[in-house]
Amino acid sequence: MNKFYDIGIAGQIGRYSDAAETSLGARIFVTSGTPGLTPEGRVPEGIAAQAEQAWHNVLCMLKEAGLQRADIFRICQYLTRQEDIKAYVEVRSRRLGDHRPASMLLVVPALVRPEFLVEIEVYAAKRD
C-alpha cells in the first residue's frame, strides 16, 4: 500500500527514500510535533535521550492506533542545533531499522519550549 521511490538523491545523504506514495482509501495517521517529553512532563537531558524519548512517544502512538513503524511513509524532524544531527540520526536509524520513509530534517532556531532539542512529526497510512 505505501510505496517508496529512490532516484539516487536520498542515498547520497542518509537512510530515507526520495519520495513516498500511499493509496486513496488508506487510513491516514498524523502525529503532532512530538518532543522528547515523558508523559510525566520530564524532559531528558541531551539530544540522544530526547530523541529516544520522542521516538518512543511516536512508536507508542502508532501502537495505540494499531499501526507499526512499517506504516510510516513520511517523517519531518526539527532540531535546534546543527551539531546534534549525527546523534539524532543514529537514534532515528536504530528506531526505524531498515524502514526508509520519506524524510525532512530541519534545523530551526527554537521549538515551543526552550528545553526541547527535537520534535518529530510522523505520517503513516494503512488500508483497513
C-alpha atoms as a PDB file:
ATOM      1  CA  MET A   1       0.000   0.000   0.000  1.00  0.00           C
ATOM      2  CA  ASN A   2       2.768   2.505   0.846  1.00  0.00           C
ATOM      3  CA  LYS A   3       5.301   2.681  -1.948  1.00  0.00           C
ATOM      4  CA  PHE A   4       8.746   4.252  -1.729  1.00  0.00           C
ATOM      5  CA  TYR A   5      10.810   5.701  -4.558  1.00  0.00           C
ATOM      6  CA  ASP A   6      14.557   6.130  -4.820  1.00  0.00           C
ATOM      7  CA  ILE A   7      16.137   8.037  -7.687  1.00  0.00           C
ATOM      8  CA  GLY A   8      19.550   8.214  -6.029  1.00  0.00           C
ATOM      9  CA  ILE A   9      19.342  11.515  -4.154  1.00  0.00           C
ATOM     10  CA  ALA A  10      18.425  10.371  -0.627  1.00  0.00           C
ATOM     11  CA  GLY A  11      21.050   7.623  -0.647  1.00  0.00           C
ATOM     12  CA  GLN A  12      23.742  10.288  -1.023  1.00  0.00           C
ATOM     13  CA  ILE A  13      22.597  11.925   2.215  1.00  0.00           C
ATOM     14  CA  GLY A  14      21.106   9.347   4.587  1.00  0.00           C
ATOM     15  CA  ARG A  15      18.819   6.397   5.171  1.00  0.00           C
ATOM     16  CA  TYR A  16      15.485   7.535   3.775  1.00  0.00           C
ATOM     17  CA  SER A  17      13.563   7.432   0.490  1.00  0.00           C
ATOM     18  CA  ASP A  18      13.362  10.211  -2.074  1.00  0.00           C
ATOM     19  CA  ALA A  19       9.560  10.011  -2.181  1.00  0.00           C
ATOM     20  CA  ALA A  20       6.639   8.085  -0.730  1.00  0.00           C
ATOM     21  CA  GLU A  21       3.170   7.319  -2.006  1.00  0.00           C
ATOM     22  CA  THR A  22       0.063   5.985  -0.340  1.00  0.00           C
ATOM     23  CA  SER A  23      -3.221   4.841  -1.846  1.00  0.00           C
ATOM     24  CA  LEU A  24      -6.589   6.530  -1.696  1.00  0.00           C
ATOM     25  CA  GLY A  25      -8.820   4.695   0.716  1.00  0.00           C
ATOM     26  CA  ALA A  26      -5.998   4.198   3.190  1.00  0.00           C
ATOM     27  CA  ARG A  27      -6.384   5.169   6.797  1.00  0.00           C
ATOM     28  CA  ILE A  28      -4.080   8.189   7.339  1.00  0.00           C
ATOM     29  CA  PHE A  29      -2.461   8.818  10.728  1.00  0.00           C
ATOM     30  CA  VAL A  30      -0.593  12.042  11.536  1.00  0.00           C
ATOM     31  CA  THR A  31       1.124  12.975  14.774  1.00  0.00           C
ATOM     32  CA  SER A  32       1.538  16.448  16.103  1.00  0.00           C
ATOM     33  CA  GLY A  33       5.083  17.664  16.633  1.00  0.00           C
ATOM     34  CA  THR A  34       6.277  15.214  19.276  1.00  0.00           C
ATOM     35  CA  PRO A  35       9.137  16.261  21.553  1.00  0.00           C
ATOM     36  CA  GLY A  36      11.294  14.150  23.834  1.00  0.00           C
ATOM     37  CA  LEU A  37       8.937  14.755  26.750  1.00  0.00           C
ATOM     38  CA  THR A  38       7.806  11.985  29.098  1.00  0.00           C
ATOM     39  CA  PRO A  39       4.091  11.596  29.935  1.00  0.00           C
ATOM     40  CA  GLU A  40       5.023  12.817  33.427  1.00  0.00           C
ATOM     41  CA  GLY A  41       6.363  16.069  31.984  1.00  0.00           C
ATOM     42  CA  ARG A  42      10.092  15.361  32.315  1.00  0.00           C
ATOM     43  CA  VAL A  43      12.487  16.431  29.550  1.00  0.00           C
ATOM     44  CA  PRO A  44      15.566  14.170  29.397  1.00  0.00           C
ATOM     45  CA  GLU A  45      18.950  15.857  29.184  1.00  0.00           C
ATOM     46  CA  GLY A  46      20.781  15.871  25.855  1.00  0.00           C
ATOM     47  CA  ILE A  47      19.821  15.164  22.263  1.00  0.00           C
ATOM     48  CA  ALA A  48      20.270  11.371  22.366  1.00  0.00           C
ATOM     49  CA  ALA A  49      17.972  10.975  25.372  1.00  0.00           C
ATOM     50  CA  GLN A  50      15.385  13.396  23.960  1.00  0.00           C
ATOM     51  CA  ALA A  51      15.473  11.675  20.565  1.00  0.00           C
ATOM     52  CA  GLU A  52      14.989   8.268  22.217  1.00  0.00           C
ATOM     53  CA  GLN A  53      12.025   9.614  24.176  1.00  0.00           C
ATOM     54  CA  ALA A  54      10.495  11.345  21.147  1.00  0.00           C
ATOM     55  CA  TRP A  55      10.732   8.159  19.048  1.00  0.00           C
ATOM     56  CA  HIS A  56       9.375   6.121  21.976  1.00  0.00           C
ATOM     57  CA  ASN A  57       6.398   8.519  22.113  1.00  0.00           C
ATOM     58  CA  VAL A  58       5.802   8.241  18.354  1.00  0.00           C
ATOM     59  CA  LEU A  59       6.005   4.441  18.360  1.00  0.00           C
ATOM     60  CA  CYS A  60       3.589   4.292  21.327  1.00  0.00           C
ATOM     61  CA  MET A  61       1.109   6.486  19.397  1.00  0.00           C
ATOM     62  CA  LEU A  62       1.390   4.196  16.375  1.00  0.00           C
ATOM     63  CA  LYS A  63       0.797   1.132  18.540  1.00  0.00           C
ATOM     64  CA  GLU A  64      -2.216   2.791  20.202  1.00  0.00           C
ATOM     65  CA  ALA A  65      -3.651   3.347  16.702  1.00  0.00           C
ATOM     66  CA  GLY A  66      -2.982  -0.251  15.625  1.00  0.00           C
ATOM     67  CA  LEU A  67      -0.094   0.767  13.373  1.00  0.00           C
ATOM     68  CA  GLN A  68       3.602  -0.060  13.243  1.00  0.00           C
ATOM     69  CA  ARG A  69       6.766   1.612  12.034  1.00  0.00           C
ATOM     70  CA  ALA A  70       6.416  -0.053   8.600  1.00  0.00           C
ATOM     71  CA  ASP A  71       3.238   2.031   8.111  1.00  0.00           C
ATOM     72  CA  ILE A  72       5.187   5.308   8.355  1.00  0.00           C
ATOM     73  CA  PHE A  73       5.517   6.899   4.925  1.00  0.00           C
ATOM     74  CA  ARG A  74       6.890  10.353   5.872  1.00  0.00           C
ATOM     75  CA  ILE A  75       8.697  11.945   8.793  1.00  0.00           C
ATOM     76  CA  CYS A  76       9.552  15.577   9.445  1.00  0.00           C
ATOM     77  CA  GLN A  77      12.078  16.259  12.179  1.00  0.00           C
ATOM     78  CA  TYR A  78      13.086  19.527  13.789  1.00  0.00           C
ATOM     79  CA  LEU A  79      16.337  20.040  15.678  1.00  0.00           C
ATOM     80  CA  THR A  80      17.503  23.236  17.349  1.00  0.00           C
ATOM     81  CA  ARG A  81      21.251  22.628  16.978  1.00  0.00           C
ATOM     82  CA  GLN A  82      23.206  21.671  13.862  1.00  0.00           C
ATOM     83  CA  GLU A  83      25.742  19.767  15.967  1.00  0.00           C
ATOM     84  CA  ASP A  84      23.000  17.356  17.131  1.00  0.00           C
ATOM     85  CA  ILE A  85      22.290  15.945  13.661  1.00  0.00           C
ATOM     86  CA  LYS A  86      24.677  12.977  13.892  1.00  0.00           C
ATOM     87  CA  ALA A  87      23.446  11.852  17.327  1.00  0.00           C
ATOM     88  CA  TYR A  88      19.818  12.295  16.285  1.00  0.00           C
ATOM     89  CA  VAL A  89      20.254  10.337  13.050  1.00  0.00           C
ATOM     90  CA  GLU A  90      21.856   7.464  14.987  1.00  0.00           C
ATOM     91  CA  VAL A  91      18.765   7.210  17.215  1.00  0.00           C
ATOM     92  CA  ARG A  92      16.380   7.514  14.255  1.00  0.00           C
ATOM     93  CA  SER A  93      18.262   4.829  12.328  1.00  0.00           C
ATOM     94  CA  ARG A  94      18.129   2.444  15.267  1.00  0.00           C
ATOM     95  CA  ARG A  95      14.417   3.080  15.856  1.00  0.00           C
ATOM     96  CA  LEU A  96      13.442   2.693  12.178  1.00  0.00           C
ATOM     97  CA  GLY A  97      15.807  -0.159  11.310  1.00  0.00           C
ATOM     98  CA  ASP A  98      15.647  -0.907   7.579  1.00  0.00           C
ATOM     99  CA  HIS A  99      12.442   1.094   7.081  1.00  0.00           C
ATOM    100  CA  ARG A 100      13.132   4.182   4.950  1.00  0.00           C
ATOM    101  CA  PRO A 101      10.173   6.589   4.743  1.00  0.00           C
ATOM    102  CA  ALA A 102      10.407   9.951   3.004  1.00  0.00           C
ATOM    103  CA  SER A 103      12.123  12.349   5.367  1.00  0.00           C
ATOM    104  CA  MET A 104      12.753  16.033   6.043  1.00  0.00           C
ATOM    105  CA  LEU A 105      15.182  17.171   8.737  1.00  0.00           C
ATOM    106  CA  LEU A 106      15.252  20.868   9.609  1.00  0.00           C
ATOM    107  CA  VAL A 107      17.428  22.853  11.979  1.00  0.00           C
ATOM    108  CA  VAL A 108      15.313  25.644  13.439  1.00  0.00           C
ATOM    109  CA  PRO A 109      16.164  28.465  15.845  1.00  0.00           C
ATOM    110  CA  ALA A 110      13.779  27.250  18.570  1.00  0.00           C
ATOM    111  CA  LEU A 111      10.883  24.972  19.426  1.00  0.00           C
ATOM    112  CA  VAL A 112       7.857  25.811  21.585  1.00  0.00           C
ATOM    113  CA  ARG A 113       9.788  25.246  24.843  1.00  0.00           C
ATOM    114  CA  PRO A 114      13.460  26.232  25.138  1.00  0.00           C
ATOM    115  CA  GLU A 115      14.493  22.889  26.664  1.00  0.00           C
ATOM    116  CA  PHE A 116      13.174  20.925  23.642  1.00  0.00           C
ATOM    117  CA  LEU A 117      16.013  19.937  21.311  1.00  0.00           C
ATOM    118  CA  VAL A 118      13.926  17.805  18.927  1.00  0.00           C
ATOM    119  CA  GLU A 119      10.360  17.367  17.667  1.00  0.00           C
ATOM    120  CA  ILE A 120       9.146  14.710  15.252  1.00  0.00           C
ATOM    121  CA  GLU A 121       6.060  14.602  13.020  1.00  0.00           C
ATOM    122  CA  VAL A 122       5.072  11.241  11.558  1.00  0.00           C
ATOM    123  CA  TYR A 123       2.694  10.428   8.703  1.00  0.00           C
ATOM    124  CA  ALA A 124       1.533   6.813   8.484  1.00  0.00           C
ATOM    125  CA  ALA A 125      -1.023   5.050   6.311  1.00  0.00           C
ATOM    126  CA  LYS A 126      -2.626   1.616   6.287  1.00  0.00           C
ATOM    127  CA  ARG A 127      -5.516   0.081   4.467  1.00  0.00           C
ATOM    128  CA  ASP A 128      -8.063  -1.307   6.958  1.00  0.00           C
END
